[in-house]
Amino acid sequence: MASDSEILKDEGFETFSTVVANYFEIPVRIVTRDARLDDDLGFDSIALLECVLMLEEVAGHELDLDAIETVRTIGDLFNFFWQFAGETIIANGPPDQI
């Protein structure tokens, strides 16, 4: 049986993937944990930076941009975000402007 924190993280990923899909106007079904940012989603470095800036807005604080260099998949990006924002995305949901 999954722990409460695992369930919360799974719910967080669902919300996270919806926010990313809506912001970049891509189908949410392709925003999976294994989706590669460059090959599968067509993100370049500018799109990744734009995504991080949008996530900072959702989190309500700045994220560590140096750590972004290791991000290759949506799962990596979510784990990066979760490390810094934790439960914020669940508590607040996506902002209205996204």
PDB file of N, CA and C in Angstrom:
ATOM      1  N   MET A   1       0.836  -1.180   0.000  1.00  0.00           N
ATOM      2  CA  MET A   1       0.000   0.000   0.000  1.00  0.00           C
ATOM      3  C   MET A   1       0.887   1.252   0.000  1.00  0.00           C
ATOM      4  N   ALA A   2       0.526   2.214  -0.806  1.00  0.00           N
ATOM      5  CA  ALA A   2       1.312   3.446  -0.933  1.00  0.00           C
ATOM      6  C   ALA A   2       1.142   4.323   0.309  1.00  0.00           C
ATOM      7  N   SER A   3       2.229   4.976   0.684  1.00  0.00           N
ATOM      8  CA  SER A   3       2.175   5.892   1.818  1.00  0.00           C
ATOM      9  C   SER A   3       1.471   7.180   1.404  1.00  0.00           C
ATOM     10  N   ASP A   4       1.081   7.970   2.390  1.00  0.00           N
ATOM     11  CA  ASP A   4       0.432   9.255   2.113  1.00  0.00           C
ATOM     12  C   ASP A   4       1.326  10.162   1.293  1.00  0.00           C
ATOM     13  N   SER A   5       2.641  10.156   1.578  1.00  0.00           N
ATOM     14  CA  SER A   5       3.548  11.029   0.825  1.00  0.00           C
ATOM     15  C   SER A   5       3.678  10.563  -0.628  1.00  0.00           C
ATOM     16  N   GLU A   6       3.654   9.238  -0.868  1.00  0.00           N
ATOM     17  CA  GLU A   6       3.702   8.733  -2.239  1.00  0.00           C
ATOM     18  C   GLU A   6       2.430   9.101  -3.001  1.00  0.00           C
ATOM     19  N   ILE A   7       1.290   8.978  -2.337  1.00  0.00           N
ATOM     20  CA  ILE A   7       0.010   9.344  -2.957  1.00  0.00           C
ATOM     21  C   ILE A   7       0.006  10.829  -3.277  1.00  0.00           C
ATOM     22  N   LEU A   8       0.463  11.642  -2.334  1.00  0.00           N
ATOM     23  CA  LEU A   8       0.526  13.084  -2.548  1.00  0.00           C
ATOM     24  C   LEU A   8       1.452  13.421  -3.716  1.00  0.00           C
ATOM     25  N   LYS A   9       2.580  12.727  -3.807  1.00  0.00           N
ATOM     26  CA  LYS A   9       3.523  12.974  -4.907  1.00  0.00           C
ATOM     27  C   LYS A   9       2.903  12.554  -6.243  1.00  0.00           C
ATOM     28  N   ASP A  10       2.176  11.438  -6.275  1.00  0.00           N
ATOM     29  CA  ASP A  10       1.495  11.010  -7.500  1.00  0.00           C
ATOM     30  C   ASP A  10       0.440  12.024  -7.920  1.00  0.00           C
ATOM     31  N   GLU A  11      -0.321  12.528  -6.963  1.00  0.00           N
ATOM     32  CA  GLU A  11      -1.308  13.572  -7.255  1.00  0.00           C
ATOM     33  C   GLU A  11      -0.601  14.834  -7.744  1.00  0.00           C
ATOM     34  N   GLY A  12       0.543  15.115  -7.133  1.00  0.00           N
ATOM     35  CA  GLY A  12       1.333  16.275  -7.545  1.00  0.00           C
ATOM     36  C   GLY A  12       1.785  16.150  -8.984  1.00  0.00           C
ATOM     37  N   PHE A  13       2.199  14.934  -9.390  1.00  0.00           N
ATOM     38  CA  PHE A  13       2.624  14.753 -10.765  1.00  0.00           C
ATOM     39  C   PHE A  13       1.466  14.946 -11.735  1.00  0.00           C
ATOM     40  N   GLU A  14       0.295  14.472 -11.379  1.00  0.00           N
ATOM     41  CA  GLU A  14      -0.877  14.672 -12.244  1.00  0.00           C
ATOM     42  C   GLU A  14      -1.137  16.158 -12.453  1.00  0.00           C
ATOM     43  N   THR A  15      -1.113  16.923 -11.385  1.00  0.00           N
ATOM     44  CA  THR A  15      -1.328  18.364 -11.490  1.00  0.00           C
ATOM     45  C   THR A  15      -0.193  19.018 -12.265  1.00  0.00           C
ATOM     46  N   PHE A  16       1.037  18.615 -11.947  1.00  0.00           N
ATOM     47  CA  PHE A  16       2.225  19.139 -12.610  1.00  0.00           C
ATOM     48  C   PHE A  16       2.155  18.916 -14.122  1.00  0.00           C
ATOM     49  N   SER A  17       1.837  17.696 -14.531  1.00  0.00           N
ATOM     50  CA  SER A  17       1.793  17.386 -15.963  1.00  0.00           C
ATOM     51  C   SER A  17       0.696  18.179 -16.657  1.00  0.00           C
ATOM     52  N   THR A  18      -0.411  18.407 -15.978  1.00  0.00           N
ATOM     53  CA  THR A  18      -1.493  19.216 -16.544  1.00  0.00           C
ATOM     54  C   THR A  18      -1.058  20.666 -16.706  1.00  0.00           C
ATOM     55  N   VAL A  19      -0.367  21.203 -15.701  1.00  0.00           N
ATOM     56  CA  VAL A  19       0.131  22.585 -15.767  1.00  0.00           C
ATOM     57  C   VAL A  19       1.096  22.736 -16.938  1.00  0.00           C
ATOM     58  N   VAL A  20       2.050  21.814 -17.062  1.00  0.00           N
ATOM     59  CA  VAL A  20       3.034  21.878 -18.152  1.00  0.00           C
ATOM     60  C   VAL A  20       2.344  21.753 -19.505  1.00  0.00           C
ATOM     61  N   ALA A  21       1.429  20.800 -19.635  1.00  0.00           N
ATOM     62  CA  ALA A  21       0.717  20.602 -20.905  1.00  0.00           C
ATOM     63  C   ALA A  21      -0.089  21.835 -21.285  1.00  0.00           C
ATOM     64  N   ASN A  22      -0.805  22.393 -20.339  1.00  0.00           N
ATOM     65  CA  ASN A  22      -1.616  23.586 -20.624  1.00  0.00           C
ATOM     66  C   ASN A  22      -0.744  24.781 -20.989  1.00  0.00           C
ATOM     67  N   TYR A  23       0.329  24.974 -20.263  1.00  0.00           N
ATOM     68  CA  TYR A  23       1.197  26.125 -20.505  1.00  0.00           C
ATOM     69  C   TYR A  23       1.832  26.065 -21.892  1.00  0.00           C
ATOM     70  N   PHE A  24       2.288  24.883 -22.279  1.00  0.00           N
ATOM     71  CA  PHE A  24       2.966  24.726 -23.567  1.00  0.00           C
ATOM     72  C   PHE A  24       2.041  24.249 -24.685  1.00  0.00           C
ATOM     73  N   GLU A  25       0.754  24.146 -24.357  1.00  0.00           N
ATOM     74  CA  GLU A  25      -0.265  23.763 -25.335  1.00  0.00           C
ATOM     75  C   GLU A  25       0.091  22.463 -26.045  1.00  0.00           C
ATOM     76  N   ILE A  26       0.404  21.451 -25.231  1.00  0.00           N
ATOM     77  CA  ILE A  26       0.677  20.121 -25.747  1.00  0.00           C
ATOM     78  C   ILE A  26      -0.281  19.144 -25.068  1.00  0.00           C
ATOM     79  N   PRO A  27      -0.567  18.001 -25.697  1.00  0.00           N
ATOM     80  CA  PRO A  27      -1.489  17.040 -25.089  1.00  0.00           C
ATOM     81  C   PRO A  27      -0.954  16.497 -23.767  1.00  0.00           C
ATOM     82  N   VAL A  28      -1.785  16.487 -22.749  1.00  0.00           N
ATOM     83  CA  VAL A  28      -1.350  16.020 -21.436  1.00  0.00           C
ATOM     84  C   VAL A  28      -0.959  14.546 -21.497  1.00  0.00           C
ATOM     85  N   ARG A  29      -1.516  13.784 -22.421  1.00  0.00           N
ATOM     86  CA  ARG A  29      -1.210  12.353 -22.511  1.00  0.00           C
ATOM     87  C   ARG A  29       0.256  12.086 -22.869  1.00  0.00           C
ATOM     88  N   ILE A  30       0.941  13.051 -23.479  1.00  0.00           N
ATOM     89  CA  ILE A  30       2.356  12.840 -23.817  1.00  0.00           C
ATOM     90  C   ILE A  30       3.302  13.368 -22.738  1.00  0.00           C
ATOM     91  N   VAL A  31       2.746  14.021 -21.733  1.00  0.00           N
ATOM     92  CA  VAL A  31       3.565  14.554 -20.636  1.00  0.00           C
ATOM     93  C   VAL A  31       3.647  13.478 -19.551  1.00  0.00           C
ATOM     94  N   THR A  32       4.464  12.456 -19.841  1.00  0.00           N
ATOM     95  CA  THR A  32       4.652  11.335 -18.929  1.00  0.00           C
ATOM     96  C   THR A  32       5.991  11.481 -18.222  1.00  0.00           C
ATOM     97  N   ARG A  33       6.173  10.707 -17.177  1.00  0.00           N
ATOM     98  CA  ARG A  33       7.434  10.771 -16.421  1.00  0.00           C
ATOM     99  C   ARG A  33       8.643  10.462 -17.309  1.00  0.00           C
ATOM    100  N   ASP A  34       8.469   9.569 -18.289  1.00  0.00           N
ATOM    101  CA  ASP A  34       9.585   9.154 -19.146  1.00  0.00           C
ATOM    102  C   ASP A  34       9.764  10.024 -20.378  1.00  0.00           C
ATOM    103  N   ALA A  35       8.852  10.960 -20.616  1.00  0.00           N
ATOM    104  CA  ALA A  35       8.943  11.803 -21.817  1.00  0.00           C
ATOM    105  C   ALA A  35      10.218  12.642 -21.758  1.00  0.00           C
ATOM    106  N   ARG A  36      11.039  12.528 -22.804  1.00  0.00           N
ATOM    107  CA  ARG A  36      12.267  13.313 -22.877  1.00  0.00           C
ATOM    108  C   ARG A  36      11.924  14.733 -23.325  1.00  0.00           C
ATOM    109  N   LEU A  37      12.478  15.691 -22.625  1.00  0.00           N
ATOM    110  CA  LEU A  37      12.155  17.093 -22.886  1.00  0.00           C
ATOM    111  C   LEU A  37      12.514  17.497 -24.310  1.00  0.00           C
ATOM    112  N   ASP A  38      13.669  17.078 -24.783  1.00  0.00           N
ATOM    113  CA  ASP A  38      14.110  17.493 -26.111  1.00  0.00           C
ATOM    114  C   ASP A  38      13.483  16.640 -27.209  1.00  0.00           C
ATOM    115  N   ASP A  39      13.658  15.348 -27.165  1.00  0.00           N
ATOM    116  CA  ASP A  39      13.195  14.478 -28.249  1.00  0.00           C
ATOM    117  C   ASP A  39      11.679  14.305 -28.296  1.00  0.00           C
ATOM    118  N   ASP A  40      11.053  14.067 -27.148  1.00  0.00           N
ATOM    119  CA  ASP A  40       9.622  13.776 -27.131  1.00  0.00           C
ATOM    120  C   ASP A  40       8.747  15.025 -27.122  1.00  0.00           C
ATOM    121  N   LEU A  41       9.196  16.064 -26.422  1.00  0.00           N
ATOM    122  CA  LEU A  41       8.372  17.259 -26.267  1.00  0.00           C
ATOM    123  C   LEU A  41       8.876  18.455 -27.059  1.00  0.00           C
ATOM    124  N   GLY A  42      10.076  18.354 -27.622  1.00  0.00           N
ATOM    125  CA  GLY A  42      10.616  19.434 -28.436  1.00  0.00           C
ATOM    126  C   GLY A  42      11.082  20.641 -27.651  1.00  0.00           C
ATOM    127  N   PHE A  43      11.379  20.454 -26.357  1.00  0.00           N
ATOM    128  CA  PHE A  43      11.874  21.564 -25.543  1.00  0.00           C
ATOM    129  C   PHE A  43      13.335  21.832 -25.892  1.00  0.00           C
ATOM    130  N   ASP A  44      13.660  23.085 -26.124  1.00  0.00           N
ATOM    131  CA  ASP A  44      15.056  23.488 -26.221  1.00  0.00           C
ATOM    132  C   ASP A  44      15.415  24.169 -24.895  1.00  0.00           C
ATOM    133  N   SER A  45      16.610  24.722 -24.804  1.00  0.00           N
ATOM    134  CA  SER A  45      17.028  25.343 -23.542  1.00  0.00           C
ATOM    135  C   SER A  45      16.150  26.534 -23.170  1.00  0.00           C
ATOM    136  N   ILE A  46      15.657  27.249 -24.169  1.00  0.00           N
ATOM    137  CA  ILE A  46      14.774  28.399 -23.900  1.00  0.00           C
ATOM    138  C   ILE A  46      13.438  27.920 -23.329  1.00  0.00           C
ATOM    139  N   ALA A  47      12.875  26.860 -23.910  1.00  0.00           N
ATOM    140  CA  ALA A  47      11.602  26.322 -23.416  1.00  0.00           C
ATOM    141  C   ALA A  47      11.765  25.786 -21.997  1.00  0.00           C
ATOM    142  N   LEU A  48      12.904  25.146 -21.718  1.00  0.00           N
ATOM    143  CA  LEU A  48      13.153  24.646 -20.371  1.00  0.00           C
ATOM    144  C   LEU A  48      13.245  25.795 -19.378  1.00  0.00           C
ATOM    145  N   LEU A  49      13.950  26.851 -19.737  1.00  0.00           N
ATOM    146  CA  LEU A  49      14.038  28.018 -18.862  1.00  0.00           C
ATOM    147  C   LEU A  49      12.659  28.642 -18.655  1.00  0.00           C
ATOM    148  N   GLU A  50      11.884  28.758 -19.718  1.00  0.00           N
ATOM    149  CA  GLU A  50      10.526  29.289 -19.612  1.00  0.00           C
ATOM    150  C   GLU A  50       9.678  28.416 -18.677  1.00  0.00           C
ATOM    151  N   CYS A  51       9.851  27.110 -18.782  1.00  0.00           N
ATOM    152  CA  CYS A  51       9.129  26.188 -17.915  1.00  0.00           C
ATOM    153  C   CYS A  51       9.525  26.389 -16.457  1.00  0.00           C
ATOM    154  N   VAL A  52      10.814  26.521 -16.200  1.00  0.00           N
ATOM    155  CA  VAL A  52      11.288  26.735 -14.830  1.00  0.00           C
ATOM    156  C   VAL A  52      10.739  28.049 -14.274  1.00  0.00           C
ATOM    157  N   LEU A  53      10.723  29.102 -15.086  1.00  0.00           N
ATOM    158  CA  LEU A  53      10.175  30.386 -14.627  1.00  0.00           C
ATOM    159  C   LEU A  53       8.692  30.263 -14.300  1.00  0.00           C
ATOM    160  N   MET A  54       7.959  29.511 -15.120  1.00  0.00           N
ATOM    161  CA  MET A  54       6.546  29.283 -14.850  1.00  0.00           C
ATOM    162  C   MET A  54       6.379  28.494 -13.553  1.00  0.00           C
ATOM    163  N   LEU A  55       7.228  27.501 -13.340  1.00  0.00           N
ATOM    164  CA  LEU A  55       7.149  26.692 -12.122  1.00  0.00           C
ATOM    165  C   LEU A  55       7.513  27.506 -10.888  1.00  0.00           C
ATOM    166  N   GLU A  56       8.438  28.458 -11.041  1.00  0.00           N
ATOM    167  CA  GLU A  56       8.750  29.359  -9.922  1.00  0.00           C
ATOM    168  C   GLU A  56       7.513  30.150  -9.524  1.00  0.00           C
ATOM    169  N   GLU A  57       6.753  30.561 -10.523  1.00  0.00           N
ATOM    170  CA  GLU A  57       5.523  31.299 -10.237  1.00  0.00           C
ATOM    171  C   GLU A  57       4.533  30.421  -9.479  1.00  0.00           C
ATOM    172  N   VAL A  58       4.419  29.162  -9.889  1.00  0.00           N
ATOM    173  CA  VAL A  58       3.526  28.222  -9.208  1.00  0.00           C
ATOM    174  C   VAL A  58       4.003  27.989  -7.783  1.00  0.00           C
ATOM    175  N   ALA A  59       5.333  27.820  -7.612  1.00  0.00           N
ATOM    176  CA  ALA A  59       5.900  27.529  -6.301  1.00  0.00           C
ATOM    177  C   ALA A  59       5.886  28.740  -5.376  1.00  0.00           C
ATOM    178  N   GLY A  60       5.920  29.925  -5.973  1.00  0.00           N
ATOM    179  CA  GLY A  60       5.938  31.134  -5.161  1.00  0.00           C
ATOM    180  C   GLY A  60       7.327  31.519  -4.680  1.00  0.00           C
ATOM    181  N   HIS A  61       8.355  30.873  -5.216  1.00  0.00           N
ATOM    182  CA  HIS A  61       9.734  31.244  -4.881  1.00  0.00           C
ATOM    183  C   HIS A  61      10.667  30.754  -5.973  1.00  0.00           C
ATOM    184  N   GLU A  62      11.909  31.243  -5.938  1.00  0.00           N
ATOM    185  CA  GLU A  62      12.891  30.888  -6.954  1.00  0.00           C
ATOM    186  C   GLU A  62      13.375  29.456  -6.766  1.00  0.00           C
ATOM    187  N   LEU A  63      13.686  28.818  -7.877  1.00  0.00           N
ATOM    188  CA  LEU A  63      14.245  27.471  -7.861  1.00  0.00           C
ATOM    189  C   LEU A  63      15.734  27.555  -8.181  1.00  0.00           C
ATOM    190  N   ASP A  64      16.475  26.516  -7.848  1.00  0.00           N
ATOM    191  CA  ASP A  64      17.919  26.479  -8.073  1.00  0.00           C
ATOM    192  C   ASP A  64      18.203  26.164  -9.543  1.00  0.00           C
ATOM    193  N   LEU A  65      18.542  27.187 -10.319  1.00  0.00           N
ATOM    194  CA  LEU A  65      18.773  27.004 -11.753  1.00  0.00           C
ATOM    195  C   LEU A  65      20.011  26.175 -12.051  1.00  0.00           C
ATOM    196  N   ASP A  66      20.980  26.132 -11.144  1.00  0.00           N
ATOM    197  CA  ASP A  66      22.167  25.307 -11.372  1.00  0.00           C
ATOM    198  C   ASP A  66      21.815  23.818 -11.410  1.00  0.00           C
ATOM    199  N   ALA A  67      20.813  23.428 -10.647  1.00  0.00           N
ATOM    200  CA  ALA A  67      20.420  22.015 -10.579  1.00  0.00           C
ATOM    201  C   ALA A  67      19.668  21.560 -11.828  1.00  0.00           C
ATOM    202  N   ILE A  68      19.205  22.471 -12.647  1.00  0.00           N
ATOM    203  CA  ILE A  68      18.404  22.135 -13.826  1.00  0.00           C
ATOM    204  C   ILE A  68      19.227  21.409 -14.892  1.00  0.00           C
ATOM    205  N   GLU A  69      20.559  21.520 -14.827  1.00  0.00           N
ATOM    206  CA  GLU A  69      21.419  20.920 -15.843  1.00  0.00           C
ATOM    207  C   GLU A  69      21.276  19.404 -15.950  1.00  0.00           C
ATOM    208  N   THR A  70      20.825  18.751 -14.897  1.00  0.00           N
ATOM    209  CA  THR A  70      20.690  17.292 -14.910  1.00  0.00           C
ATOM    210  C   THR A  70      19.315  16.830 -15.391  1.00  0.00           C
ATOM    211  N   VAL A  71      18.418  17.753 -15.646  1.00  0.00           N
ATOM    212  CA  VAL A  71      17.045  17.406 -16.038  1.00  0.00           C
ATOM    213  C   VAL A  71      17.007  16.994 -17.506  1.00  0.00           C
ATOM    214  N   ARG A  72      16.489  15.779 -17.761  1.00  0.00           N
ATOM    215  CA  ARG A  72      16.376  15.270 -19.123  1.00  0.00           C
ATOM    216  C   ARG A  72      14.942  14.856 -19.486  1.00  0.00           C
ATOM    217  N   THR A  73      14.167  14.458 -18.472  1.00  0.00           N
ATOM    218  CA  THR A  73      12.799  13.982 -18.708  1.00  0.00           C
ATOM    219  C   THR A  73      11.806  14.798 -17.882  1.00  0.00           C
ATOM    220  N   ILE A  74      10.529  14.625 -18.189  1.00  0.00           N
ATOM    221  CA  ILE A  74       9.494  15.271 -17.386  1.00  0.00           C
ATOM    222  C   ILE A  74       9.570  14.769 -15.947  1.00  0.00           C
ATOM    223  N   GLY A  75       9.877  13.487 -15.765  1.00  0.00           N
ATOM    224  CA  GLY A  75      10.045  12.957 -14.407  1.00  0.00           C
ATOM    225  C   GLY A  75      11.165  13.652 -13.664  1.00  0.00           C
ATOM    226  N   ASP A  76      12.285  13.886 -14.354  1.00  0.00           N
ATOM    227  CA  ASP A  76      13.399  14.639 -13.744  1.00  0.00           C
ATOM    228  C   ASP A  76      12.956  16.041 -13.367  1.00  0.00           C
ATOM    229  N   LEU A  77      12.222  16.689 -14.290  1.00  0.00           N
ATOM    230  CA  LEU A  77      11.757  18.051 -14.041  1.00  0.00           C
ATOM    231  C   LEU A  77      10.799  18.085 -12.858  1.00  0.00           C
ATOM    232  N   PHE A  78       9.909  17.112 -12.790  1.00  0.00           N
ATOM    233  CA  PHE A  78       8.983  17.039 -11.655  1.00  0.00           C
ATOM    234  C   PHE A  78       9.740  16.828 -10.349  1.00  0.00           C
ATOM    235  N   ASN A  79      10.709  15.908 -10.335  1.00  0.00           N
ATOM    236  CA  ASN A  79      11.480  15.663  -9.109  1.00  0.00           C
ATOM    237  C   ASN A  79      12.262  16.900  -8.692  1.00  0.00           C
ATOM    238  N   PHE A  80      12.818  17.615  -9.672  1.00  0.00           N
ATOM    239  CA  PHE A  80      13.506  18.883  -9.420  1.00  0.00           C
ATOM    240  C   PHE A  80      12.534  19.869  -8.761  1.00  0.00           C
ATOM    241  N   PHE A  81      11.355  19.999  -9.348  1.00  0.00           N
ATOM    242  CA  PHE A  81      10.349  20.908  -8.821  1.00  0.00           C
ATOM    243  C   PHE A  81       9.891  20.473  -7.435  1.00  0.00           C
ATOM    244  N   TRP A  82       9.600  19.204  -7.266  1.00  0.00           N
ATOM    245  CA  TRP A  82       9.089  18.678  -5.994  1.00  0.00           C
ATOM    246  C   TRP A  82      10.095  18.897  -4.875  1.00  0.00           C
ATOM    247  N   GLN A  83      11.378  18.764  -5.202  1.00  0.00           N
ATOM    248  CA  GLN A  83      12.435  18.971  -4.212  1.00  0.00           C
ATOM    249  C   GLN A  83      12.370  20.386  -3.629  1.00  0.00           C
ATOM    250  N   PHE A  84      12.055  21.360  -4.476  1.00  0.00           N
ATOM    251  CA  PHE A  84      12.041  22.750  -4.028  1.00  0.00           C
ATOM    252  C   PHE A  84      10.664  23.245  -3.620  1.00  0.00           C
ATOM    253  N   ALA A  85       9.614  22.721  -4.233  1.00  0.00           N
ATOM    254  CA  ALA A  85       8.286  23.260  -3.985  1.00  0.00           C
ATOM    255  C   ALA A  85       7.416  22.346  -3.143  1.00  0.00           C
ATOM    256  N   GLY A  86       7.780  21.084  -3.053  1.00  0.00           N
ATOM    257  CA  GLY A  86       7.033  20.154  -2.222  1.00  0.00           C
ATOM    258  C   GLY A  86       5.555  20.137  -2.523  1.00  0.00           C
ATOM    259  N   GLU A  87       4.785  20.408  -1.531  1.00  0.00           N
ATOM    260  CA  GLU A  87       3.341  20.279  -1.641  1.00  0.00           C
ATOM    261  C   GLU A  87       2.639  21.531  -2.156  1.00  0.00           C
ATOM    262  N   THR A  88       3.376  22.555  -2.513  1.00  0.00           N
ATOM    263  CA  THR A  88       2.777  23.812  -2.962  1.00  0.00           C
ATOM    264  C   THR A  88       1.852  23.619  -4.145  1.00  0.00           C
ATOM    265  N   ILE A  89       2.270  22.809  -5.101  1.00  0.00           N
ATOM    266  CA  ILE A  89       1.467  22.615  -6.298  1.00  0.00           C
ATOM    267  C   ILE A  89       0.135  21.929  -5.977  1.00  0.00           C
ATOM    268  N   ILE A  90       0.116  21.076  -4.947  1.00  0.00           N
ATOM    269  CA  ILE A  90      -1.127  20.436  -4.531  1.00  0.00           C
ATOM    270  C   ILE A  90      -1.978  21.415  -3.735  1.00  0.00           C
ATOM    271  N   ALA A  91      -1.355  22.134  -2.818  1.00  0.00           N
ATOM    272  CA  ALA A  91      -2.100  23.036  -1.951  1.00  0.00           C
ATOM    273  C   ALA A  91      -2.747  24.174  -2.723  1.00  0.00           C
ATOM    274  N   ASN A  92      -2.020  24.735  -3.688  1.00  0.00           N
ATOM    275  CA  ASN A  92      -2.504  25.919  -4.387  1.00  0.00           C
ATOM    276  C   ASN A  92      -3.106  25.625  -5.748  1.00  0.00           C
ATOM    277  N   GLY A  93      -2.749  24.503  -6.355  1.00  0.00           N
ATOM    278  CA  GLY A  93      -3.207  24.190  -7.697  1.00  0.00           C
ATOM    279  C   GLY A  93      -2.553  25.129  -8.691  1.00  0.00           C
ATOM    280  N   PRO A  94      -2.864  24.916  -9.961  1.00  0.00           N
ATOM    281  CA  PRO A  94      -2.264  25.794 -10.978  1.00  0.00           C
ATOM    282  C   PRO A  94      -2.813  27.206 -10.881  1.00  0.00           C
ATOM    283  N   PRO A  95      -1.970  28.190 -11.103  1.00  0.00           N
ATOM    284  CA  PRO A  95      -2.460  29.572 -11.072  1.00  0.00           C
ATOM    285  C   PRO A  95      -3.422  29.836 -12.232  1.00  0.00           C
ATOM    286  N   ASP A  96      -4.285  30.796 -12.072  1.00  0.00           N
ATOM    287  CA  ASP A  96      -5.308  31.118 -13.070  1.00  0.00           C
ATOM    288  C   ASP A  96      -4.718  31.492 -14.422  1.00  0.00           C
ATOM    289  N   GLN A  97      -3.553  32.141 -14.440  1.00  0.00           N
ATOM    290  CA  GLN A  97      -3.011  32.627 -15.701  1.00  0.00           C
ATOM    291  C   GLN A  97      -2.379  31.530 -16.557  1.00  0.00           C
ATOM    292  N   ILE A  98      -2.266  30.322 -16.044  1.00  0.00           N
ATOM    293  CA  ILE A  98      -1.661  29.237 -16.836  1.00  0.00           C
ATOM    294  C   ILE A  98      -2.750  28.494 -17.580  1.00  0.00           C
TER     295      ILE A  98
END
